[in-house]
């Protein structure tokens, strides 16, 4: 049974314009969330409309499955994407994901949705060239659905509870997968305790994205030294409430990855090399890196050939949260 108010429109265009006028979109047109479409999304994910996916206590907000389904339809998702969106919503609403701060901060933090496991290929989630950009429906609409939930349900509306000074285009949508097939490493979700055949979502708050570009180094140590300098320039935020489990995400492309594959370096070896360099006392022009443990460095293989770079996703005040994708 639907919990939402039903609205009636004479035409498709009238519905789209009404949603825009009411401020229920990110500024782009939406797919009208008809009762039939919303019900189909819930049925596919095995969710009841009133199933609670999480809370934002500081805003007195409770997010149920119907809220998420409505926004997934609006974002242009296929029905098959709903379990991924639901898992990402659960992650966003975890206490240490800090939804209130990461959606309201002056810095305009975004949320990266990183997908692992077999569902990447089943849904055609881009993990390779262009994975941060346009061109893939799954990437675009899953990431957009999460942001619409933040806006429409968690009340992160610009000028209201979204207080970003500038904001960022990554707040429209930011979703990609790990390139597990071409990677020499253990996938992110397996490192975080899930089985290889399990599909997961990792949600990471992103305050800044910076490129650790290095086309000169030809060995693991040289590449990691470049990454260390990039991370230390912007820092990694943390506080007493987050404790020692803060994270930074390094998205490593094919050109850098091959040096580690050739040398046989694991992600564990990379973290052991990086951690003391990242957490050494800050020097001139550097910011503190507040990582309590080396496994707070999350390494993800993604992107295409060409540029010799690793992208650093510097966090806002939150943990990276990994949730299983439950398939009904």
C-alpha atoms as a PDB file:
ATOM      1  CA  UNK A   1       0.000   0.000   0.000  1.00  0.00           C
ATOM      2  CA  UNK A   2       1.384   3.390  -0.992  1.00  0.00           C
ATOM      3  CA  UNK A   3       2.211   5.888   1.739  1.00  0.00           C
ATOM      4  CA  UNK A   4       2.796   8.813  -0.608  1.00  0.00           C
ATOM      5  CA  UNK A   5       0.338  11.463  -1.685  1.00  0.00           C
ATOM      6  CA  UNK A   6      -0.851  10.870  -5.236  1.00  0.00           C
ATOM      7  CA  UNK A   7      -0.955  13.755  -7.711  1.00  0.00           C
ATOM      8  CA  UNK A   8      -2.874  13.829 -10.988  1.00  0.00           C
ATOM      9  CA  UNK A   9      -1.758  15.564 -14.177  1.00  0.00           C
ATOM     10  CA  UNK A  10      -3.338  15.769 -17.595  1.00  0.00           C
ATOM     11  CA  UNK A  11      -0.095  15.364 -19.554  1.00  0.00           C
ATOM     12  CA  UNK A  12       3.457  14.124 -19.182  1.00  0.00           C
ATOM     13  CA  UNK A  13       4.819  17.637 -19.757  1.00  0.00           C
ATOM     14  CA  UNK A  14       2.556  19.049 -17.056  1.00  0.00           C
ATOM     15  CA  UNK A  15       3.864  16.511 -14.552  1.00  0.00           C
ATOM     16  CA  UNK A  16       7.507  17.236 -15.385  1.00  0.00           C
ATOM     17  CA  UNK A  17       7.038  20.999 -15.176  1.00  0.00           C
ATOM     18  CA  UNK A  18       5.144  20.684 -11.896  1.00  0.00           C
ATOM     19  CA  UNK A  19       7.989  18.725 -10.290  1.00  0.00           C
ATOM     20  CA  UNK A  20      10.469  21.324 -11.465  1.00  0.00           C
ATOM     21  CA  UNK A  21       8.296  24.172 -10.172  1.00  0.00           C
ATOM     22  CA  UNK A  22       7.846  22.483  -6.779  1.00  0.00           C
ATOM     23  CA  UNK A  23      11.626  22.124  -6.347  1.00  0.00           C
ATOM     24  CA  UNK A  24      11.512  18.328  -6.279  1.00  0.00           C
ATOM     25  CA  UNK A  25      14.327  17.847  -8.789  1.00  0.00           C
ATOM     26  CA  UNK A  26      18.022  18.618  -9.181  1.00  0.00           C
ATOM     27  CA  UNK A  27      17.139  21.096 -11.929  1.00  0.00           C
ATOM     28  CA  UNK A  28      16.883  18.449 -14.623  1.00  0.00           C
ATOM     29  CA  UNK A  29      13.629  16.907 -15.875  1.00  0.00           C
ATOM     30  CA  UNK A  30      12.488  13.747 -14.114  1.00  0.00           C
ATOM     31  CA  UNK A  31      10.537  10.603 -14.946  1.00  0.00           C
ATOM     32  CA  UNK A  32       7.104  10.941 -13.300  1.00  0.00           C
ATOM     33  CA  UNK A  33       6.906   8.377 -10.465  1.00  0.00           C
ATOM     34  CA  UNK A  34       3.594   6.740 -11.249  1.00  0.00           C
ATOM     35  CA  UNK A  35       2.156   4.363  -8.614  1.00  0.00           C
ATOM     36  CA  UNK A  36       2.648   1.451 -10.999  1.00  0.00           C
ATOM     37  CA  UNK A  37       6.351   2.212 -11.545  1.00  0.00           C
ATOM     38  CA  UNK A  38       7.031   2.755  -7.849  1.00  0.00           C
ATOM     39  CA  UNK A  39       5.279  -0.518  -6.975  1.00  0.00           C
ATOM     40  CA  UNK A  40       7.322  -2.358  -9.598  1.00  0.00           C
ATOM     41  CA  UNK A  41      10.580  -1.017  -8.134  1.00  0.00           C
ATOM     42  CA  UNK A  42       9.582  -2.093  -4.629  1.00  0.00           C
ATOM     43  CA  UNK A  43       8.483  -5.535  -5.814  1.00  0.00           C
ATOM     44  CA  UNK A  44      11.713  -6.097  -7.729  1.00  0.00           C
ATOM     45  CA  UNK A  45      13.789  -5.288  -4.636  1.00  0.00           C
ATOM     46  CA  UNK A  46      11.531  -7.302  -2.312  1.00  0.00           C
ATOM     47  CA  UNK A  47      10.747  -4.250  -0.210  1.00  0.00           C
ATOM     48  CA  UNK A  48       7.514  -3.077   1.353  1.00  0.00           C
ATOM     49  CA  UNK A  49       6.661   0.598   1.007  1.00  0.00           C
ATOM     50  CA  UNK A  50       6.957   1.210   4.753  1.00  0.00           C
ATOM     51  CA  UNK A  51      10.230  -0.658   5.323  1.00  0.00           C
ATOM     52  CA  UNK A  52      12.585   1.752   7.071  1.00  0.00           C
ATOM     53  CA  UNK A  53      16.006   2.069   5.458  1.00  0.00           C
ATOM     54  CA  UNK A  54      17.408   4.563   7.935  1.00  0.00           C
ATOM     55  CA  UNK A  55      17.119   7.836   9.798  1.00  0.00           C
ATOM     56  CA  UNK A  56      18.640  11.299   9.997  1.00  0.00           C
ATOM     57  CA  UNK A  57      17.953  12.018  13.673  1.00  0.00           C
ATOM     58  CA  UNK A  58      19.203  15.613  13.606  1.00  0.00           C
ATOM     59  CA  UNK A  59      16.577  16.411  10.962  1.00  0.00           C
ATOM     60  CA  UNK A  60      13.824  14.192  12.403  1.00  0.00           C
ATOM     61  CA  UNK A  61      13.791  12.335   9.067  1.00  0.00           C
ATOM     62  CA  UNK A  62      12.949   8.668   8.552  1.00  0.00           C
ATOM     63  CA  UNK A  63      13.577   7.232   5.096  1.00  0.00           C
ATOM     64  CA  UNK A  64      11.427   4.344   3.949  1.00  0.00           C
ATOM     65  CA  UNK A  65      11.664   2.148   0.866  1.00  0.00           C
ATOM     66  CA  UNK A  66       8.888   3.984  -0.959  1.00  0.00           C
ATOM     67  CA  UNK A  67      10.780   7.265  -0.587  1.00  0.00           C
ATOM     68  CA  UNK A  68      13.776   5.658  -2.258  1.00  0.00           C
ATOM     69  CA  UNK A  69      11.732   3.978  -4.998  1.00  0.00           C
ATOM     70  CA  UNK A  70       9.994   7.255  -5.882  1.00  0.00           C
ATOM     71  CA  UNK A  71      13.322   9.009  -6.290  1.00  0.00           C
ATOM     72  CA  UNK A  72      14.865   6.103  -8.208  1.00  0.00           C
ATOM     73  CA  UNK A  73      12.017   6.309 -10.731  1.00  0.00           C
ATOM     74  CA  UNK A  74      12.421  10.088 -10.914  1.00  0.00           C
ATOM     75  CA  UNK A  75      16.160   9.698 -11.574  1.00  0.00           C
ATOM     76  CA  UNK A  76      15.509   7.546 -14.640  1.00  0.00           C
ATOM     77  CA  UNK A  77      16.627   4.233 -13.161  1.00  0.00           C
ATOM     78  CA  UNK A  78      15.633   0.896 -14.610  1.00  0.00           C
ATOM     79  CA  UNK A  79      13.730  -1.311 -12.182  1.00  0.00           C
ATOM     80  CA  UNK A  80      16.811  -3.578 -11.993  1.00  0.00           C
ATOM     81  CA  UNK A  81      18.788  -0.752 -10.398  1.00  0.00           C
ATOM     82  CA  UNK A  82      16.535  -0.473  -7.346  1.00  0.00           C
ATOM     83  CA  UNK A  83      18.483  -2.939  -5.117  1.00  0.00           C
ATOM     84  CA  UNK A  84      21.661  -0.920  -5.756  1.00  0.00           C
ATOM     85  CA  UNK A  85      19.945   2.371  -4.932  1.00  0.00           C
ATOM     86  CA  UNK A  86      18.424   0.865  -1.782  1.00  0.00           C
ATOM     87  CA  UNK A  87      21.833  -0.386  -0.607  1.00  0.00           C
ATOM     88  CA  UNK A  88      23.383   3.034  -1.274  1.00  0.00           C
ATOM     89  CA  UNK A  89      20.567   4.714   0.656  1.00  0.00           C
ATOM     90  CA  UNK A  90      21.134   2.393   3.611  1.00  0.00           C
ATOM     91  CA  UNK A  91      24.826   3.316   3.512  1.00  0.00           C
ATOM     92  CA  UNK A  92      24.066   7.050   3.355  1.00  0.00           C
ATOM     93  CA  UNK A  93      21.851   6.695   6.427  1.00  0.00           C
ATOM     94  CA  UNK A  94      24.378   4.841   8.587  1.00  0.00           C
ATOM     95  CA  UNK A  95      25.368   6.890  11.629  1.00  0.00           C
ATOM     96  CA  UNK A  96      29.038   7.214  10.664  1.00  0.00           C
ATOM     97  CA  UNK A  97      28.151   8.152   7.078  1.00  0.00           C
ATOM     98  CA  UNK A  98      27.108  11.413   8.742  1.00  0.00           C
ATOM     99  CA  UNK A  99      24.301  12.313   6.327  1.00  0.00           C
ATOM    100  CA  UNK A 100      23.462  15.536   8.153  1.00  0.00           C
ATOM    101  CA  UNK A 101      26.950  17.010   7.853  1.00  0.00           C
ATOM    102  CA  UNK A 102      27.947  15.629   4.454  1.00  0.00           C
ATOM    103  CA  UNK A 103      24.780  16.953   2.780  1.00  0.00           C
ATOM    104  CA  UNK A 104      24.747  20.274   4.634  1.00  0.00           C
ATOM    105  CA  UNK A 105      28.405  21.285   4.731  1.00  0.00           C
ATOM    106  CA  UNK A 106      29.672  24.571   3.331  1.00  0.00           C
ATOM    107  CA  UNK A 107      32.266  22.595   1.362  1.00  0.00           C
ATOM    108  CA  UNK A 108      29.573  20.997  -0.798  1.00  0.00           C
ATOM    109  CA  UNK A 109      30.667  17.399  -0.286  1.00  0.00           C
ATOM    110  CA  UNK A 110      29.411  14.841  -2.814  1.00  0.00           C
ATOM    111  CA  UNK A 111      28.807  11.107  -2.416  1.00  0.00           C
ATOM    112  CA  UNK A 112      30.656   8.546  -4.494  1.00  0.00           C
ATOM    113  CA  UNK A 113      28.784   5.273  -5.020  1.00  0.00           C
ATOM    114  CA  UNK A 114      31.322   2.513  -5.729  1.00  0.00           C
ATOM    115  CA  UNK A 115      29.856  -0.796  -6.920  1.00  0.00           C
ATOM    116  CA  UNK A 116      31.549  -4.179  -6.586  1.00  0.00           C
ATOM    117  CA  UNK A 117      30.646  -7.732  -7.504  1.00  0.00           C
ATOM    118  CA  UNK A 118      28.792  -9.425 -10.358  1.00  0.00           C
ATOM    119  CA  UNK A 119      26.023  -6.821 -10.541  1.00  0.00           C
ATOM    120  CA  UNK A 120      28.447  -4.370 -12.200  1.00  0.00           C
ATOM    121  CA  UNK A 121      28.401  -6.390 -15.395  1.00  0.00           C
ATOM    122  CA  UNK A 122      24.746  -7.387 -15.137  1.00  0.00           C
ATOM    123  CA  UNK A 123      23.704  -3.715 -15.053  1.00  0.00           C
ATOM    124  CA  UNK A 124      26.460  -2.375 -17.358  1.00  0.00           C
ATOM    125  CA  UNK A 125      27.963  -0.138 -14.683  1.00  0.00           C
ATOM    126  CA  UNK A 126      31.033   1.487 -16.190  1.00  0.00           C
ATOM    127  CA  UNK A 127      34.288   0.644 -14.431  1.00  0.00           C
ATOM    128  CA  UNK A 128      36.729   1.565 -17.186  1.00  0.00           C
ATOM    129  CA  UNK A 129      37.382   4.527 -19.495  1.00  0.00           C
ATOM    130  CA  UNK A 130      35.154   7.489 -18.711  1.00  0.00           C
ATOM    131  CA  UNK A 131      33.750   5.893 -15.553  1.00  0.00           C
ATOM    132  CA  UNK A 132      33.455   9.233 -13.731  1.00  0.00           C
ATOM    133  CA  UNK A 133      31.571  10.853 -16.613  1.00  0.00           C
ATOM    134  CA  UNK A 134      28.453  10.580 -18.778  1.00  0.00           C
ATOM    135  CA  UNK A 135      27.374   7.875 -21.169  1.00  0.00           C
ATOM    136  CA  UNK A 136      26.186   5.016 -18.958  1.00  0.00           C
ATOM    137  CA  UNK A 137      22.604   4.967 -17.770  1.00  0.00           C
ATOM    138  CA  UNK A 138      23.318   2.858 -14.695  1.00  0.00           C
ATOM    139  CA  UNK A 139      26.127   5.096 -13.436  1.00  0.00           C
ATOM    140  CA  UNK A 140      24.194   8.283 -14.139  1.00  0.00           C
ATOM    141  CA  UNK A 141      20.830   7.314 -12.710  1.00  0.00           C
ATOM    142  CA  UNK A 142      21.964   5.332  -9.661  1.00  0.00           C
ATOM    143  CA  UNK A 143      24.168   8.209  -8.548  1.00  0.00           C
ATOM    144  CA  UNK A 144      21.385  10.689  -9.317  1.00  0.00           C
ATOM    145  CA  UNK A 145      18.842   8.671  -7.326  1.00  0.00           C
ATOM    146  CA  UNK A 146      21.030   8.807  -4.208  1.00  0.00           C
ATOM    147  CA  UNK A 147      21.339  12.579  -4.536  1.00  0.00           C
ATOM    148  CA  UNK A 148      17.583  12.988  -5.058  1.00  0.00           C
ATOM    149  CA  UNK A 149      16.978  11.018  -1.860  1.00  0.00           C
ATOM    150  CA  UNK A 150      19.359  13.386  -0.062  1.00  0.00           C
ATOM    151  CA  UNK A 151      17.474  16.378  -1.485  1.00  0.00           C
ATOM    152  CA  UNK A 152      13.851  15.332  -1.390  1.00  0.00           C
ATOM    153  CA  UNK A 153      13.773  13.089   1.680  1.00  0.00           C
ATOM    154  CA  UNK A 154      16.744  14.191   3.784  1.00  0.00           C
ATOM    155  CA  UNK A 155      15.896  17.857   3.056  1.00  0.00           C
ATOM    156  CA  UNK A 156      19.324  18.787   1.649  1.00  0.00           C
ATOM    157  CA  UNK A 157      17.896  21.627  -0.433  1.00  0.00           C
ATOM    158  CA  UNK A 158      20.270  24.422  -1.522  1.00  0.00           C
ATOM    159  CA  UNK A 159      19.741  27.483   0.626  1.00  0.00           C
ATOM    160  CA  UNK A 160      17.921  25.438   3.269  1.00  0.00           C
ATOM    161  CA  UNK A 161      19.787  22.498   4.821  1.00  0.00           C
ATOM    162  CA  UNK A 162      22.296  22.309   1.957  1.00  0.00           C
ATOM    163  CA  UNK A 163      24.558  25.231   2.821  1.00  0.00           C
ATOM    164  CA  UNK A 164      27.267  24.656   0.193  1.00  0.00           C
ATOM    165  CA  UNK A 165      29.183  27.793  -0.741  1.00  0.00           C
ATOM    166  CA  UNK A 166      29.663  26.591  -4.342  1.00  0.00           C
ATOM    167  CA  UNK A 167      28.561  22.926  -4.438  1.00  0.00           C
ATOM    168  CA  UNK A 168      29.896  20.634  -7.188  1.00  0.00           C
ATOM    169  CA  UNK A 169      28.706  18.897 -10.377  1.00  0.00           C
ATOM    170  CA  UNK A 170      29.420  15.612  -8.560  1.00  0.00           C
ATOM    171  CA  UNK A 171      26.247  16.337  -6.576  1.00  0.00           C
ATOM    172  CA  UNK A 172      24.183  15.586  -9.663  1.00  0.00           C
ATOM    173  CA  UNK A 173      25.518  12.033  -9.813  1.00  0.00           C
ATOM    174  CA  UNK A 174      28.689  10.136  -8.919  1.00  0.00           C
ATOM    175  CA  UNK A 175      28.637   6.368  -9.386  1.00  0.00           C
ATOM    176  CA  UNK A 176      31.176   3.936 -10.843  1.00  0.00           C
ATOM    177  CA  UNK A 177      32.330   0.356 -10.426  1.00  0.00           C
ATOM    178  CA  UNK A 178      35.647  -1.240  -9.561  1.00  0.00           C
ATOM    179  CA  UNK A 179      37.374  -2.820 -12.559  1.00  0.00           C
ATOM    180  CA  UNK A 180      37.785  -6.220 -10.953  1.00  0.00           C
ATOM    181  CA  UNK A 181      38.478  -8.052 -14.217  1.00  0.00           C
ATOM    182  CA  UNK A 182      41.641  -6.114 -15.134  1.00  0.00           C
ATOM    183  CA  UNK A 183      42.847  -5.588 -11.579  1.00  0.00           C
ATOM    184  CA  UNK A 184      45.670  -7.655 -10.079  1.00  0.00           C
ATOM    185  CA  UNK A 185      44.239  -7.058  -6.605  1.00  0.00           C
ATOM    186  CA  UNK A 186      41.630  -8.262  -4.178  1.00  0.00           C
ATOM    187  CA  UNK A 187      38.457  -6.244  -4.841  1.00  0.00           C
ATOM    188  CA  UNK A 188      37.384  -3.580  -2.369  1.00  0.00           C
ATOM    189  CA  UNK A 189      34.327  -5.460  -1.124  1.00  0.00           C
ATOM    190  CA  UNK A 190      36.321  -8.644  -0.455  1.00  0.00           C
ATOM    191  CA  UNK A 191      38.872  -6.652   1.546  1.00  0.00           C
ATOM    192  CA  UNK A 192      35.929  -5.315   3.564  1.00  0.00           C
ATOM    193  CA  UNK A 193      34.677  -8.794   4.488  1.00  0.00           C
ATOM    194  CA  UNK A 194      32.296  -9.788   1.678  1.00  0.00           C
ATOM    195  CA  UNK A 195      32.471 -12.832  -0.575  1.00  0.00           C
ATOM    196  CA  UNK A 196      33.711 -12.319  -4.160  1.00  0.00           C
ATOM    197  CA  UNK A 197      30.324 -13.381  -5.553  1.00  0.00           C
ATOM    198  CA  UNK A 198      28.464 -10.882  -3.355  1.00  0.00           C
ATOM    199  CA  UNK A 199      27.559  -7.516  -4.870  1.00  0.00           C
ATOM    200  CA  UNK A 200      28.014  -4.405  -2.735  1.00  0.00           C
ATOM    201  CA  UNK A 201      27.894  -0.641  -2.677  1.00  0.00           C
ATOM    202  CA  UNK A 202      30.469   1.509  -0.909  1.00  0.00           C
ATOM    203  CA  UNK A 203      29.360   5.066  -0.236  1.00  0.00           C
ATOM    204  CA  UNK A 204      32.164   7.578   0.330  1.00  0.00           C
ATOM    205  CA  UNK A 205      31.741  11.272   1.119  1.00  0.00           C
ATOM    206  CA  UNK A 206      33.959  13.370  -1.154  1.00  0.00           C
ATOM    207  CA  UNK A 207      35.006  16.881  -0.166  1.00  0.00           C
ATOM    208  CA  UNK A 208      37.687  17.239  -2.871  1.00  0.00           C
ATOM    209  CA  UNK A 209      38.842  15.220  -5.880  1.00  0.00           C
ATOM    210  CA  UNK A 210      42.460  15.620  -6.901  1.00  0.00           C
ATOM    211  CA  UNK A 211      44.541  13.895  -9.546  1.00  0.00           C
ATOM    212  CA  UNK A 212      47.865  12.383  -8.509  1.00  0.00           C
ATOM    213  CA  UNK A 213      49.295  12.545 -12.020  1.00  0.00           C
ATOM    214  CA  UNK A 214      52.710  10.976 -12.482  1.00  0.00           C
ATOM    215  CA  UNK A 215      53.896   9.958 -15.934  1.00  0.00           C
ATOM    216  CA  UNK A 216      57.560   9.783 -14.949  1.00  0.00           C
ATOM    217  CA  UNK A 217      57.673   7.079 -12.273  1.00  0.00           C
ATOM    218  CA  UNK A 218      58.018   3.491 -13.433  1.00  0.00           C
ATOM    219  CA  UNK A 219      57.929   1.639 -10.131  1.00  0.00           C
ATOM    220  CA  UNK A 220      55.507   1.254  -7.185  1.00  0.00           C
ATOM    221  CA  UNK A 221      57.498   3.416  -4.773  1.00  0.00           C
ATOM    222  CA  UNK A 222      57.673   6.348  -7.181  1.00  0.00           C
ATOM    223  CA  UNK A 223      53.940   6.246  -7.922  1.00  0.00           C
ATOM    224  CA  UNK A 224      53.061   5.973  -4.235  1.00  0.00           C
ATOM    225  CA  UNK A 225      55.360   8.868  -3.367  1.00  0.00           C
ATOM    226  CA  UNK A 226      53.443  11.019  -5.872  1.00  0.00           C
ATOM    227  CA  UNK A 227      50.132   9.907  -4.415  1.00  0.00           C
ATOM    228  CA  UNK A 228      51.383  10.668  -0.910  1.00  0.00           C
ATOM    229  CA  UNK A 229      52.310  14.228  -1.872  1.00  0.00           C
ATOM    230  CA  UNK A 230      48.870  14.757  -3.405  1.00  0.00           C
ATOM    231  CA  UNK A 231      47.010  13.426  -0.371  1.00  0.00           C
ATOM    232  CA  UNK A 232      49.108  15.482   2.040  1.00  0.00           C
ATOM    233  CA  UNK A 233      48.533  18.680   0.059  1.00  0.00           C
ATOM    234  CA  UNK A 234      44.761  18.559   0.731  1.00  0.00           C
ATOM    235  CA  UNK A 235      44.706  16.327   3.806  1.00  0.00           C
ATOM    236  CA  UNK A 236      42.145  13.902   5.196  1.00  0.00           C
ATOM    237  CA  UNK A 237      39.608  15.244   7.665  1.00  0.00           C
ATOM    238  CA  UNK A 238      38.657  13.497  10.869  1.00  0.00           C
ATOM    239  CA  UNK A 239      37.582  14.172  14.421  1.00  0.00           C
ATOM    240  CA  UNK A 240      37.126  12.480  17.787  1.00  0.00           C
ATOM    241  CA  UNK A 241      33.642  11.222  16.904  1.00  0.00           C
ATOM    242  CA  UNK A 242      34.858   9.420  13.775  1.00  0.00           C
ATOM    243  CA  UNK A 243      37.811   7.984  15.670  1.00  0.00           C
ATOM    244  CA  UNK A 244      40.417   5.846  13.918  1.00  0.00           C
ATOM    245  CA  UNK A 245      38.214   4.500  11.125  1.00  0.00           C
ATOM    246  CA  UNK A 246      38.426   7.435   8.725  1.00  0.00           C
ATOM    247  CA  UNK A 247      39.101   6.722   5.059  1.00  0.00           C
ATOM    248  CA  UNK A 248      40.612   8.097   1.899  1.00  0.00           C
ATOM    249  CA  UNK A 249      39.801   6.486  -1.458  1.00  0.00           C
ATOM    250  CA  UNK A 250      42.462   6.133  -4.166  1.00  0.00           C
ATOM    251  CA  UNK A 251      41.064   5.307  -7.606  1.00  0.00           C
ATOM    252  CA  UNK A 252      43.978   3.938  -9.601  1.00  0.00           C
ATOM    253  CA  UNK A 253      43.949   3.819 -13.391  1.00  0.00           C
ATOM    254  CA  UNK A 254      45.445   1.282 -15.753  1.00  0.00           C
ATOM    255  CA  UNK A 255      48.771   3.035 -16.385  1.00  0.00           C
ATOM    256  CA  UNK A 256      49.688   3.215 -12.699  1.00  0.00           C
ATOM    257  CA  UNK A 257      48.168  -0.157 -11.936  1.00  0.00           C
ATOM    258  CA  UNK A 258      50.476  -2.047 -14.285  1.00  0.00           C
ATOM    259  CA  UNK A 259      53.596  -1.093 -12.334  1.00  0.00           C
ATOM    260  CA  UNK A 260      52.161  -2.729  -9.236  1.00  0.00           C
ATOM    261  CA  UNK A 261      51.043  -5.778 -11.209  1.00  0.00           C
ATOM    262  CA  UNK A 262      54.516  -6.197 -12.712  1.00  0.00           C
ATOM    263  CA  UNK A 263      56.153  -5.888  -9.282  1.00  0.00           C
ATOM    264  CA  UNK A 264      53.597  -8.151  -7.596  1.00  0.00           C
ATOM    265  CA  UNK A 265      52.508  -5.555  -5.039  1.00  0.00           C
ATOM    266  CA  UNK A 266      49.232  -6.193  -3.238  1.00  0.00           C
ATOM    267  CA  UNK A 267      46.912  -3.517  -1.888  1.00  0.00           C
ATOM    268  CA  UNK A 268      48.146  -4.477   1.574  1.00  0.00           C
ATOM    269  CA  UNK A 269      51.757  -3.725   0.599  1.00  0.00           C
ATOM    270  CA  UNK A 270      50.692  -0.428  -0.922  1.00  0.00           C
ATOM    271  CA  UNK A 271      48.922   0.613   2.285  1.00  0.00           C
ATOM    272  CA  UNK A 272      51.882  -0.399   4.440  1.00  0.00           C
ATOM    273  CA  UNK A 273      54.154   1.775   2.307  1.00  0.00           C
ATOM    274  CA  UNK A 274      51.759   4.734   2.185  1.00  0.00           C
ATOM    275  CA  UNK A 275      50.512   4.896   5.754  1.00  0.00           C
ATOM    276  CA  UNK A 276      53.675   6.206   7.488  1.00  0.00           C
ATOM    277  CA  UNK A 277      54.255   8.683   4.675  1.00  0.00           C
ATOM    278  CA  UNK A 278      50.694  10.002   4.824  1.00  0.00           C
ATOM    279  CA  UNK A 279      50.538  10.318   8.593  1.00  0.00           C
ATOM    280  CA  UNK A 280      53.955  11.888   9.182  1.00  0.00           C
ATOM    281  CA  UNK A 281      53.799  15.408  10.698  1.00  0.00           C
ATOM    282  CA  UNK A 282      52.560  18.016   8.226  1.00  0.00           C
ATOM    283  CA  UNK A 283      55.122  20.239   6.570  1.00  0.00           C
ATOM    284  CA  UNK A 284      54.809  23.626   4.924  1.00  0.00           C
ATOM    285  CA  UNK A 285      51.917  23.733   2.483  1.00  0.00           C
ATOM    286  CA  UNK A 286      50.508  20.425   3.728  1.00  0.00           C
ATOM    287  CA  UNK A 287      47.329  19.539   5.614  1.00  0.00           C
ATOM    288  CA  UNK A 288      46.940  16.892   8.342  1.00  0.00           C
ATOM    289  CA  UNK A 289      46.024  13.372   7.245  1.00  0.00           C
ATOM    290  CA  UNK A 290      43.814  11.996  10.006  1.00  0.00           C
ATOM    291  CA  UNK A 291      43.932   8.267   9.327  1.00  0.00           C
ATOM    292  CA  UNK A 292      44.021   5.999  12.338  1.00  0.00           C
ATOM    293  CA  UNK A 293      44.839   2.741  10.566  1.00  0.00           C
ATOM    294  CA  UNK A 294      46.433   1.733   7.293  1.00  0.00           C
ATOM    295  CA  UNK A 295      43.290  -0.106   6.188  1.00  0.00           C
ATOM    296  CA  UNK A 296      41.583   3.277   6.106  1.00  0.00           C
ATOM    297  CA  UNK A 297      43.316   3.697   2.741  1.00  0.00           C
ATOM    298  CA  UNK A 298      40.823   2.234   0.260  1.00  0.00           C
ATOM    299  CA  UNK A 299      42.306   1.390  -3.140  1.00  0.00           C
ATOM    300  CA  UNK A 300      39.967   0.932  -6.097  1.00  0.00           C
ATOM    301  CA  UNK A 301      40.957  -0.110  -9.616  1.00  0.00           C
ATOM    302  CA  UNK A 302      38.997   1.850 -12.241  1.00  0.00           C
ATOM    303  CA  UNK A 303      39.397   3.992 -15.343  1.00  0.00           C
ATOM    304  CA  UNK A 304      40.920   3.502 -18.764  1.00  0.00           C
ATOM    305  CA  UNK A 305      44.273   3.601 -20.520  1.00  0.00           C
ATOM    306  CA  UNK A 306      46.199   6.744 -21.384  1.00  0.00           C
ATOM    307  CA  UNK A 307      46.647   9.112 -18.445  1.00  0.00           C
ATOM    308  CA  UNK A 308      49.166   8.056 -15.806  1.00  0.00           C
ATOM    309  CA  UNK A 309      47.166   9.139 -12.794  1.00  0.00           C
ATOM    310  CA  UNK A 310      45.387   8.085  -9.651  1.00  0.00           C
ATOM    311  CA  UNK A 311      42.414  10.087  -8.416  1.00  0.00           C
ATOM    312  CA  UNK A 312      42.255  10.881  -4.717  1.00  0.00           C
ATOM    313  CA  UNK A 313      38.767  11.182  -3.212  1.00  0.00           C
ATOM    314  CA  UNK A 314      39.419  13.218  -0.069  1.00  0.00           C
ATOM    315  CA  UNK A 315      36.623  12.644   2.452  1.00  0.00           C
ATOM    316  CA  UNK A 316      34.320  14.934   4.291  1.00  0.00           C
ATOM    317  CA  UNK A 317      33.572  13.997   7.912  1.00  0.00           C
ATOM    318  CA  UNK A 318      32.349  10.427   7.459  1.00  0.00           C
ATOM    319  CA  UNK A 319      33.404   6.823   7.171  1.00  0.00           C
ATOM    320  CA  UNK A 320      33.167   5.007   3.858  1.00  0.00           C
ATOM    321  CA  UNK A 321      30.278   2.591   4.365  1.00  0.00           C
ATOM    322  CA  UNK A 322      29.928  -0.718   2.485  1.00  0.00           C
ATOM    323  CA  UNK A 323      26.529  -2.418   2.237  1.00  0.00           C
ATOM    324  CA  UNK A 324      25.458  -5.640   0.514  1.00  0.00           C
ATOM    325  CA  UNK A 325      23.082  -5.376  -2.424  1.00  0.00           C
ATOM    326  CA  UNK A 326      20.133  -7.586  -1.527  1.00  0.00           C
ATOM    327  CA  UNK A 327      18.522  -9.242  -4.524  1.00  0.00           C
ATOM    328  CA  UNK A 328      14.970 -10.501  -3.938  1.00  0.00           C
END
